[in-house]
Amino acid sequence: MPNTTAVEIFQTPEGKQWRLAGTDSYDDRLFVPAHLDPAKVSRLVWASEDFLRSELGELTAVTTDLGQDAA
């Protein structure tokens, strides 16, 4: 299910940013690189939170000021 709420950005320990794209049928979170719009890219490029954590480390929420483009 695609994320239809506000853009949520998460960051790896190395500074790579990922955008919450939605959830799968098990309610596991799925992400795309922050510069991509999940509504415009194939689900084939969506990555699971478990995969990102195992490959890149913990994901930490990034906060931005209102009105600032997070992507």
N, C-alpha and C. Protein backbone atom coordinates (compact mmCIF):
# COMPACT_ATOMS: atom_id res chain seq x y z
N MET A 1 0.84 -1.17 0.00
CA MET A 1 0.00 0.00 0.00
C MET A 1 0.90 1.25 0.00
N PRO A 2 0.71 2.15 -0.96
CA PRO A 2 1.54 3.35 -1.03
C PRO A 2 1.30 4.29 0.15
N ASN A 3 2.33 5.06 0.48
CA ASN A 3 2.24 6.05 1.54
C ASN A 3 1.57 7.29 0.95
N THR A 4 0.42 7.68 1.47
CA THR A 4 -0.30 8.83 0.95
C THR A 4 -0.28 10.01 1.92
N THR A 5 0.49 9.88 2.99
CA THR A 5 0.59 10.97 3.96
C THR A 5 1.80 11.83 3.60
N ALA A 6 2.23 12.64 4.52
CA ALA A 6 3.38 13.51 4.30
C ALA A 6 4.63 12.70 3.97
N VAL A 7 5.55 13.34 3.26
CA VAL A 7 6.81 12.68 2.91
C VAL A 7 7.60 12.43 4.18
N GLU A 8 8.04 11.18 4.34
CA GLU A 8 8.85 10.81 5.50
C GLU A 8 10.20 10.35 5.00
N ILE A 9 11.26 11.02 5.46
CA ILE A 9 12.62 10.72 5.03
C ILE A 9 13.38 10.09 6.19
N PHE A 10 14.17 9.07 5.87
CA PHE A 10 15.00 8.37 6.85
C PHE A 10 16.43 8.35 6.32
N GLN A 11 17.39 8.29 7.23
CA GLN A 11 18.79 8.36 6.86
C GLN A 11 19.58 7.21 7.47
N THR A 12 20.54 6.70 6.70
CA THR A 12 21.44 5.66 7.19
C THR A 12 22.60 6.32 7.93
N PRO A 13 23.40 5.54 8.67
CA PRO A 13 24.56 6.12 9.37
C PRO A 13 25.54 6.82 8.42
N GLU A 14 25.59 6.42 7.15
CA GLU A 14 26.50 7.03 6.19
C GLU A 14 25.90 8.24 5.49
N GLY A 15 24.66 8.59 5.83
CA GLY A 15 24.04 9.79 5.28
C GLY A 15 23.16 9.57 4.07
N LYS A 16 22.99 8.34 3.63
CA LYS A 16 22.11 8.07 2.49
C LYS A 16 20.66 8.22 2.96
N GLN A 17 19.85 8.90 2.16
CA GLN A 17 18.48 9.16 2.57
C GLN A 17 17.49 8.34 1.75
N TRP A 18 16.48 7.86 2.47
CA TRP A 18 15.45 6.99 1.90
C TRP A 18 14.08 7.55 2.26
N ARG A 19 13.16 7.46 1.33
CA ARG A 19 11.80 7.97 1.50
C ARG A 19 10.85 6.80 1.75
N LEU A 20 10.00 6.94 2.75
CA LEU A 20 9.00 5.91 3.03
C LEU A 20 8.04 5.86 1.85
N ALA A 21 7.96 4.68 1.22
CA ALA A 21 7.13 4.52 0.03
C ALA A 21 5.77 3.91 0.36
N GLY A 22 5.72 3.06 1.37
CA GLY A 22 4.47 2.40 1.73
C GLY A 22 4.76 1.17 2.56
N THR A 23 3.81 0.25 2.55
CA THR A 23 3.97 -0.99 3.30
C THR A 23 3.58 -2.17 2.40
N ASP A 24 4.05 -3.34 2.79
CA ASP A 24 3.67 -4.55 2.05
C ASP A 24 2.47 -5.20 2.74
N SER A 25 2.11 -6.38 2.28
CA SER A 25 0.92 -7.05 2.83
C SER A 25 1.09 -7.48 4.29
N TYR A 26 2.33 -7.45 4.80
CA TYR A 26 2.60 -7.79 6.20
C TYR A 26 2.78 -6.54 7.06
N ASP A 27 2.50 -5.37 6.49
CA ASP A 27 2.68 -4.07 7.15
C ASP A 27 4.14 -3.73 7.41
N ASP A 28 5.06 -4.38 6.69
CA ASP A 28 6.48 -4.01 6.78
C ASP A 28 6.70 -2.77 5.92
N ARG A 29 7.51 -1.83 6.41
CA ARG A 29 7.74 -0.59 5.68
C ARG A 29 8.66 -0.81 4.48
N LEU A 30 8.36 -0.09 3.40
CA LEU A 30 9.14 -0.15 2.17
C LEU A 30 9.62 1.25 1.81
N PHE A 31 10.83 1.33 1.24
CA PHE A 31 11.47 2.61 0.98
C PHE A 31 11.98 2.70 -0.45
N VAL A 32 12.13 3.95 -0.92
CA VAL A 32 12.82 4.25 -2.18
C VAL A 32 13.87 5.31 -1.87
N PRO A 33 14.90 5.44 -2.73
CA PRO A 33 15.84 6.54 -2.52
C PRO A 33 15.08 7.86 -2.42
N ALA A 34 15.53 8.75 -1.55
CA ALA A 34 14.78 9.97 -1.21
C ALA A 34 14.47 10.85 -2.41
N HIS A 35 15.29 10.82 -3.44
CA HIS A 35 15.05 11.70 -4.58
C HIS A 35 13.98 11.18 -5.54
N LEU A 36 13.48 9.96 -5.29
CA LEU A 36 12.45 9.37 -6.16
C LEU A 36 11.07 9.52 -5.56
N ASP A 37 10.07 9.60 -6.43
CA ASP A 37 8.67 9.64 -6.02
C ASP A 37 8.13 8.23 -6.15
N PRO A 38 7.73 7.60 -5.04
CA PRO A 38 7.27 6.22 -5.10
C PRO A 38 6.06 6.02 -6.01
N ALA A 39 5.29 7.06 -6.24
CA ALA A 39 4.13 6.96 -7.12
C ALA A 39 4.53 6.88 -8.59
N LYS A 40 5.80 7.23 -8.88
CA LYS A 40 6.25 7.28 -10.26
C LYS A 40 7.29 6.22 -10.62
N VAL A 41 7.67 5.40 -9.65
CA VAL A 41 8.67 4.36 -9.93
C VAL A 41 8.07 2.98 -9.66
N SER A 42 8.61 2.00 -10.34
CA SER A 42 8.14 0.62 -10.19
C SER A 42 8.39 0.12 -8.77
N ARG A 43 7.51 -0.74 -8.30
CA ARG A 43 7.72 -1.34 -6.97
C ARG A 43 8.96 -2.23 -6.95
N LEU A 44 9.48 -2.54 -8.12
CA LEU A 44 10.71 -3.34 -8.17
C LEU A 44 11.89 -2.62 -7.52
N VAL A 45 11.84 -1.30 -7.44
CA VAL A 45 12.94 -0.55 -6.82
C VAL A 45 12.68 -0.23 -5.35
N TRP A 46 11.52 -0.62 -4.84
CA TRP A 46 11.24 -0.40 -3.42
C TRP A 46 12.05 -1.41 -2.60
N ALA A 47 12.63 -0.96 -1.50
CA ALA A 47 13.44 -1.82 -0.63
C ALA A 47 12.77 -1.97 0.73
N SER A 48 12.82 -3.16 1.28
CA SER A 48 12.24 -3.39 2.60
C SER A 48 13.13 -2.79 3.68
N GLU A 49 12.51 -2.43 4.77
CA GLU A 49 13.26 -1.89 5.91
C GLU A 49 14.27 -2.91 6.42
N ASP A 50 13.89 -4.18 6.48
CA ASP A 50 14.81 -5.22 6.95
C ASP A 50 16.05 -5.30 6.05
N PHE A 51 15.84 -5.23 4.73
CA PHE A 51 16.97 -5.28 3.80
C PHE A 51 17.88 -4.08 4.00
N LEU A 52 17.31 -2.88 4.08
CA LEU A 52 18.14 -1.68 4.24
C LEU A 52 18.94 -1.74 5.54
N ARG A 53 18.30 -2.17 6.62
CA ARG A 53 19.01 -2.27 7.90
C ARG A 53 20.14 -3.29 7.84
N SER A 54 19.91 -4.40 7.19
CA SER A 54 20.96 -5.43 7.12
C SER A 54 22.12 -4.99 6.23
N GLU A 55 21.84 -4.21 5.20
CA GLU A 55 22.89 -3.79 4.27
C GLU A 55 23.53 -2.45 4.63
N LEU A 56 22.73 -1.52 5.19
CA LEU A 56 23.21 -0.15 5.38
C LEU A 56 23.21 0.33 6.83
N GLY A 57 22.60 -0.41 7.74
CA GLY A 57 22.55 0.01 9.13
C GLY A 57 21.20 0.59 9.50
N GLU A 58 21.10 1.09 10.72
CA GLU A 58 19.84 1.63 11.24
C GLU A 58 19.35 2.82 10.42
N LEU A 59 18.06 2.93 10.31
CA LEU A 59 17.42 4.08 9.66
C LEU A 59 16.91 5.02 10.74
N THR A 60 17.24 6.29 10.60
CA THR A 60 16.83 7.31 11.56
C THR A 60 15.97 8.33 10.84
N ALA A 61 14.84 8.68 11.45
CA ALA A 61 13.95 9.69 10.84
C ALA A 61 14.68 11.03 10.74
N VAL A 62 14.47 11.71 9.61
CA VAL A 62 15.04 13.03 9.37
C VAL A 62 13.92 14.04 9.51
N THR A 63 14.14 15.07 10.30
CA THR A 63 13.12 16.11 10.44
C THR A 63 13.53 17.31 9.62
N THR A 64 12.54 17.91 8.97
CA THR A 64 12.78 19.12 8.18
C THR A 64 11.79 20.18 8.58
N ASP A 65 12.12 21.42 8.32
CA ASP A 65 11.21 22.52 8.60
C ASP A 65 10.02 22.46 7.66
N LEU A 66 8.87 22.89 8.13
CA LEU A 66 7.69 22.93 7.27
C LEU A 66 7.97 23.82 6.06
N GLY A 67 7.54 23.36 4.92
CA GLY A 67 7.75 24.13 3.71
C GLY A 67 9.06 23.84 3.01
N GLN A 68 9.95 23.11 3.67
CA GLN A 68 11.24 22.76 3.07
C GLN A 68 11.08 21.47 2.29
N ASP A 69 11.63 21.44 1.11
CA ASP A 69 11.56 20.23 0.28
C ASP A 69 12.53 19.21 0.85
N ALA A 70 11.99 18.10 1.36
CA ALA A 70 12.83 17.07 2.00
C ALA A 70 13.55 16.21 0.99
N ALA A 71 13.03 16.09 -0.19
CA ALA A 71 13.67 15.23 -1.19
C ALA A 71 14.58 16.06 -1.97
